[in-house]
Protein backbone atom coordinates (compact mmCIF):
# COMPACT_ATOMS: atom_id res chain seq x y z
CA UNK A 1 51.09 211.67 10.50
CA UNK A 2 52.07 208.18 11.60
CA UNK A 3 49.48 206.14 13.44
CA UNK A 4 49.61 206.39 17.22
CA UNK A 5 48.57 202.74 17.49
CA UNK A 6 51.45 200.65 18.78
CA UNK A 7 53.59 203.76 19.30
CA UNK A 8 55.77 203.93 22.40
CA UNK A 9 55.30 207.13 24.39
CA UNK A 10 56.93 208.71 27.44
CA UNK A 11 55.00 211.33 29.40
CA UNK A 12 56.80 213.11 32.23
CA UNK A 13 54.84 214.55 35.12
CA UNK A 14 52.06 212.13 34.24
CA UNK A 15 50.87 211.35 37.74
CA UNK A 16 48.21 214.07 37.58
CA UNK A 17 46.91 217.05 35.63
CA UNK A 18 47.84 217.54 32.00
CA UNK A 19 50.38 214.73 32.08
CA UNK A 20 47.81 212.18 33.22
CA UNK A 21 45.37 213.43 30.57
CA UNK A 22 48.04 213.05 27.87
CA UNK A 23 48.90 209.55 29.07
CA UNK A 24 45.22 208.55 28.97
CA UNK A 25 44.82 210.04 25.51
CA UNK A 26 47.79 208.21 24.04
CA UNK A 27 46.74 204.93 25.65
CA UNK A 28 43.18 205.32 24.31
CA UNK A 29 44.69 205.66 20.82
CA UNK A 30 46.57 202.39 21.12
CA UNK A 31 49.99 203.54 22.32
CA UNK A 32 52.08 201.95 25.04
CA UNK A 33 52.80 204.69 27.59
CA UNK A 34 55.63 205.01 30.08
CA UNK A 35 54.18 207.08 32.92
CA UNK A 36 56.82 209.17 34.65
CA UNK A 37 56.28 211.21 37.80
CA UNK A 38 58.42 212.23 40.76
CA UNK A 39 55.69 210.68 42.93
CA UNK A 40 56.02 206.88 42.50
CA UNK A 41 52.52 206.15 43.79
CA UNK A 42 50.96 208.62 41.35
CA UNK A 43 52.94 207.16 38.44
CA UNK A 44 51.85 203.63 39.35
CA UNK A 45 48.21 204.66 39.74
CA UNK A 46 47.97 206.23 36.28
CA UNK A 47 49.96 203.41 34.68
CA UNK A 48 47.66 200.84 36.25
CA UNK A 49 44.59 202.73 35.04
CA UNK A 50 45.72 202.88 31.39
CA UNK A 51 47.66 199.63 31.09
CA UNK A 52 50.94 201.54 30.88
CA UNK A 53 54.33 201.19 32.54
CA UNK A 54 55.26 203.23 35.61
CA UNK A 55 58.73 204.79 35.40
CA UNK A 56 58.94 207.03 38.47
CA UNK A 57 61.81 209.41 39.12
CA UNK A 58 63.38 212.63 37.93
CA UNK A 59 62.09 213.81 34.55
CA UNK A 60 65.60 214.96 33.63
CA UNK A 61 66.96 211.40 33.63
CA UNK A 62 63.94 209.37 32.57
CA UNK A 63 64.82 208.62 28.94
CA UNK A 64 67.13 205.67 29.63
CA UNK A 65 64.87 203.82 32.08
CA UNK A 66 61.76 204.57 30.03
CA UNK A 67 63.34 203.40 26.79
CA UNK A 68 64.40 200.16 28.45
CA UNK A 69 60.90 199.67 29.91
CA UNK A 70 59.39 200.21 26.45
CA UNK A 71 61.56 197.60 24.80
CA UNK A 72 64.29 199.84 23.45
CA UNK A 73 62.39 202.45 21.43
CA UNK A 74 60.68 205.75 22.24
CA UNK A 75 58.55 207.10 19.40
CA UNK A 76 57.03 210.09 21.20
CA UNK A 77 58.36 212.04 24.17
CA UNK A 78 56.16 214.46 26.13
CA UNK A 79 58.24 216.87 28.22
CA UNK A 80 55.42 217.83 30.53
CA UNK A 81 56.82 218.01 34.07
CA UNK A 82 57.44 221.51 35.33
CA UNK A 83 57.94 223.74 38.32
CA UNK A 84 56.44 227.14 39.11
CA UNK A 85 57.81 229.84 41.39
CA UNK A 86 56.65 233.25 42.40
CA UNK A 87 59.01 236.19 42.68
CA UNK A 88 61.37 238.25 40.55
CA UNK A 89 65.10 239.06 40.59
CA UNK A 90 65.05 238.80 44.38
CA UNK A 91 64.31 235.06 44.17
CA UNK A 92 67.41 233.11 45.24
CA UNK A 93 69.71 231.42 42.75
CA UNK A 94 68.45 228.02 43.92
CA UNK A 95 64.93 228.95 42.84
CA UNK A 96 66.07 230.09 39.41
CA UNK A 97 68.25 227.00 38.97
CA UNK A 98 65.40 224.64 39.87
CA UNK A 99 63.24 226.29 37.20
CA UNK A 100 66.00 226.08 34.59
CA UNK A 101 66.72 222.44 35.39
CA UNK A 102 63.16 221.14 35.08
CA UNK A 103 61.48 223.60 32.72
CA UNK A 104 64.34 223.83 30.20
CA UNK A 105 67.32 221.55 30.70
CA UNK A 106 65.18 218.44 31.20
CA UNK A 107 63.86 219.07 27.66
CA UNK A 108 67.38 219.56 26.32
CA UNK A 109 68.64 216.36 27.94
CA UNK A 110 65.71 214.34 26.62
CA UNK A 111 66.26 215.64 23.08
CA UNK A 112 69.98 214.92 23.34
CA UNK A 113 69.24 211.29 24.26
CA UNK A 114 66.47 210.73 21.70
CA UNK A 115 67.55 212.59 18.58
CA UNK A 116 70.27 210.16 17.39
CA UNK A 117 67.78 207.30 17.19
CA UNK A 118 65.03 209.45 15.70
CA UNK A 119 67.30 210.85 13.01
CA UNK A 120 68.57 207.37 12.15
CA UNK A 121 64.99 206.08 11.78
CA UNK A 122 63.76 209.27 10.11
CA UNK A 123 60.92 209.82 12.57
CA UNK A 124 60.18 210.92 16.12
CA UNK A 125 57.87 213.31 17.95
CA UNK A 126 58.76 215.75 20.75
CA UNK A 127 55.92 217.36 22.72
CA UNK A 128 56.75 220.25 25.04
CA UNK A 129 54.20 221.47 27.60
CA UNK A 130 55.26 225.11 27.60
CA UNK A 131 52.33 227.21 28.94
CA UNK A 132 51.03 230.45 27.51
CA UNK A 133 53.57 232.08 29.83
CA UNK A 134 56.14 231.05 27.22
CA UNK A 135 54.37 233.12 24.57
CA UNK A 136 53.24 235.97 26.82
CA UNK A 137 54.29 236.15 30.49
CA UNK A 138 52.97 235.40 33.96
CA UNK A 139 52.60 238.31 36.35
CA UNK A 140 54.39 237.81 39.65
CA UNK A 141 56.53 234.92 38.46
CA UNK A 142 59.79 235.77 36.71
CA UNK A 143 61.47 232.33 37.01
CA UNK A 144 58.42 230.62 35.51
CA UNK A 145 57.95 233.18 32.74
CA UNK A 146 61.61 233.29 31.74
CA UNK A 147 62.12 229.53 31.69
CA UNK A 148 58.88 228.93 29.82
CA UNK A 149 60.02 231.43 27.17
CA UNK A 150 63.20 229.36 26.93
CA UNK A 151 61.27 226.08 26.70
CA UNK A 152 59.23 227.52 23.82
CA UNK A 153 62.40 228.74 22.10
CA UNK A 154 63.98 225.29 22.40
CA UNK A 155 60.91 223.56 20.94
CA UNK A 156 60.87 226.10 18.11
CA UNK A 157 64.57 225.49 17.44
CA UNK A 158 64.05 221.73 17.33
CA UNK A 159 61.31 222.14 14.75
CA UNK A 160 63.38 224.53 12.62
CA UNK A 161 66.35 222.19 12.70
CA UNK A 162 64.86 218.72 12.32
CA UNK A 163 61.41 218.83 10.71
CA UNK A 164 62.84 217.98 7.27
CA UNK A 165 64.41 214.89 8.83
CA UNK A 166 61.15 213.47 10.16
CA UNK A 167 61.12 214.88 13.69
CA UNK A 168 57.79 216.54 14.55
CA UNK A 169 57.62 219.02 17.43
CA UNK A 170 54.61 220.44 19.27
CA UNK A 171 54.54 223.26 21.85
CA UNK A 172 51.47 223.14 24.11
CA UNK A 173 50.69 226.63 25.45
CA UNK A 174 47.59 226.59 27.67
CA UNK A 175 46.46 229.40 29.93
CA UNK A 176 44.69 228.36 33.16
CA UNK A 177 44.10 224.63 33.64
CA UNK A 178 42.36 223.04 36.62
CA UNK A 179 45.34 221.27 38.16
CA UNK A 180 47.10 221.22 41.52
CA UNK A 181 49.38 223.97 40.25
CA UNK A 182 46.44 226.29 39.66
CA UNK A 183 45.32 225.75 43.23
CA UNK A 184 48.71 226.99 44.48
CA UNK A 185 49.03 230.15 42.36
CA UNK A 186 47.38 232.40 44.93
CA UNK A 187 45.99 235.81 44.08
CA UNK A 188 47.61 235.99 40.65
CA UNK A 189 46.05 232.67 39.69
CA UNK A 190 42.66 233.71 41.03
CA UNK A 191 42.67 236.94 39.01
CA UNK A 192 44.50 235.90 35.85
CA UNK A 193 44.01 232.18 35.35
CA UNK A 194 41.00 230.81 37.17
CA UNK A 195 38.22 232.65 35.25
CA UNK A 196 39.08 230.93 31.96
CA UNK A 197 40.49 227.67 33.36
CA UNK A 198 39.79 224.47 31.44
CA UNK A 199 40.06 220.79 32.30
CA UNK A 200 43.30 218.87 31.58
CA UNK A 201 41.43 216.67 29.12
CA UNK A 202 40.75 219.69 26.92
CA UNK A 203 44.50 220.31 26.70
CA UNK A 204 45.08 216.71 25.63
CA UNK A 205 42.33 217.01 23.00
CA UNK A 206 44.02 220.12 21.61
CA UNK A 207 47.31 218.26 21.30
CA UNK A 208 45.79 215.35 19.42
CA UNK A 209 44.08 217.76 17.02
CA UNK A 210 47.46 219.40 16.39
CA UNK A 211 49.14 216.02 15.88
CA UNK A 212 46.51 215.11 13.28
CA UNK A 213 47.23 218.38 11.45
CA UNK A 214 51.01 218.23 12.02
CA UNK A 215 50.75 221.67 13.65
CA UNK A 216 53.53 222.99 15.90
CA UNK A 217 51.65 225.43 18.12
CA UNK A 218 48.95 223.98 20.38
CA UNK A 219 46.63 226.65 21.85
CA UNK A 220 43.87 225.08 23.96
CA UNK A 221 42.45 228.53 24.84
CA UNK A 222 40.84 230.54 22.06
CA UNK A 223 42.12 233.82 23.52
CA UNK A 224 45.83 233.02 23.36
CA UNK A 225 46.33 233.55 19.63
CA UNK A 226 44.83 237.05 19.73
CA UNK A 227 46.87 237.97 22.79
CA UNK A 228 50.08 236.70 21.15
CA UNK A 229 49.30 238.66 17.98
CA UNK A 230 48.57 241.82 19.98
CA UNK A 231 51.91 241.46 21.76
CA UNK A 232 53.74 241.26 18.44
CA UNK A 233 51.81 244.06 16.73
CA UNK A 234 52.12 246.68 19.48
CA UNK A 235 54.51 245.65 22.25
CA UNK A 236 54.19 248.90 24.20
CA UNK A 237 50.40 248.80 24.30
CA UNK A 238 50.54 245.16 25.35
CA UNK A 239 53.13 245.88 28.07
CA UNK A 240 51.01 248.76 29.37
CA UNK A 241 47.99 246.49 29.62
CA UNK A 242 49.99 243.78 31.35
CA UNK A 243 51.42 246.32 33.78
CA UNK A 244 47.89 247.35 34.72
CA UNK A 245 47.06 243.69 35.31
CA UNK A 246 50.16 243.36 37.48
CA UNK A 247 49.09 246.39 39.52
CA UNK A 248 45.68 244.81 40.05
CA UNK A 249 47.29 241.62 41.34
CA UNK A 250 49.73 243.61 43.46
CA UNK A 251 46.94 245.55 45.14
CA UNK A 252 45.08 242.34 45.91
CA UNK A 253 48.05 240.32 47.20
CA UNK A 254 48.63 240.12 50.96
CA UNK A 255 52.17 240.99 52.02
CA UNK A 256 53.65 237.79 53.41
CA UNK A 257 57.01 236.08 53.59
CA UNK A 258 59.09 234.33 50.95
CA UNK A 259 57.34 233.33 47.73
CA UNK A 260 56.35 229.67 47.48
CA UNK A 261 57.76 227.07 45.14
CA UNK A 262 55.32 224.88 43.26
CA UNK A 263 56.54 221.65 41.72
CA UNK A 264 53.84 219.58 40.13
CA UNK A 265 53.38 216.96 37.47
CA UNK A 266 52.22 219.48 34.91
CA UNK A 267 53.45 222.93 34.12
CA UNK A 268 50.02 223.87 33.02
CA UNK A 269 49.25 227.47 33.74
CA UNK A 270 50.07 230.34 31.43
CA UNK A 271 48.97 233.91 31.17
CA UNK A 272 46.05 235.50 29.35
CA UNK A 273 46.08 239.22 28.70
């Protein structure tokens, strides 16, 4: 592993939550951090705290401005911004498209912009905040679950394709994390995520441990690995158990209007079994 000291790092969705914790962690290890967030004030606040550079705006188009702000080179890119939605097939196309754009295509666009330089130099590091929903699922939230599966698949593909050429990839897959997104997940979050929720700093610590070991999969919750293995070993038993969990959430959820959209700095919440 290359030293993080004097590395240049971009963290999207870094105005709060996991993104802010990642930005603080990289800065504490000597890196220069470009702090991106859709909320300019939040980006400036975190950048000021860590001695970084605020680059507010859309995560899907941040690579160019961030690279310029960092002096022309990005060593590490953390695709952390995300959006969460409730609902299933009945959710409108606009809801699905918003999830695809931020949770998946923003990662693709960043990789497209960064890979030529990384491959020429023979090194680079791509960090994807996926969520355990990308390994398992999230009850009550099809757009989030489906796009997080896709984000995980894209990170996996990057690693398969470029690791021999010096590009390291990490997929962070936490379950519940105490962020603004957790506060907006309603009954499903209360039942599924909140009991085992951890602080954003614990997620950052898990990433840095994985970086030190050059390990792709970052699992901040001890339960995720066993749940992922159970899903692979006996899909029908796992699906039956998840269906029971869905029924529990369904029985506890008040019948209201349209499902809410949650766009936050960090796509932090996944799904324990």
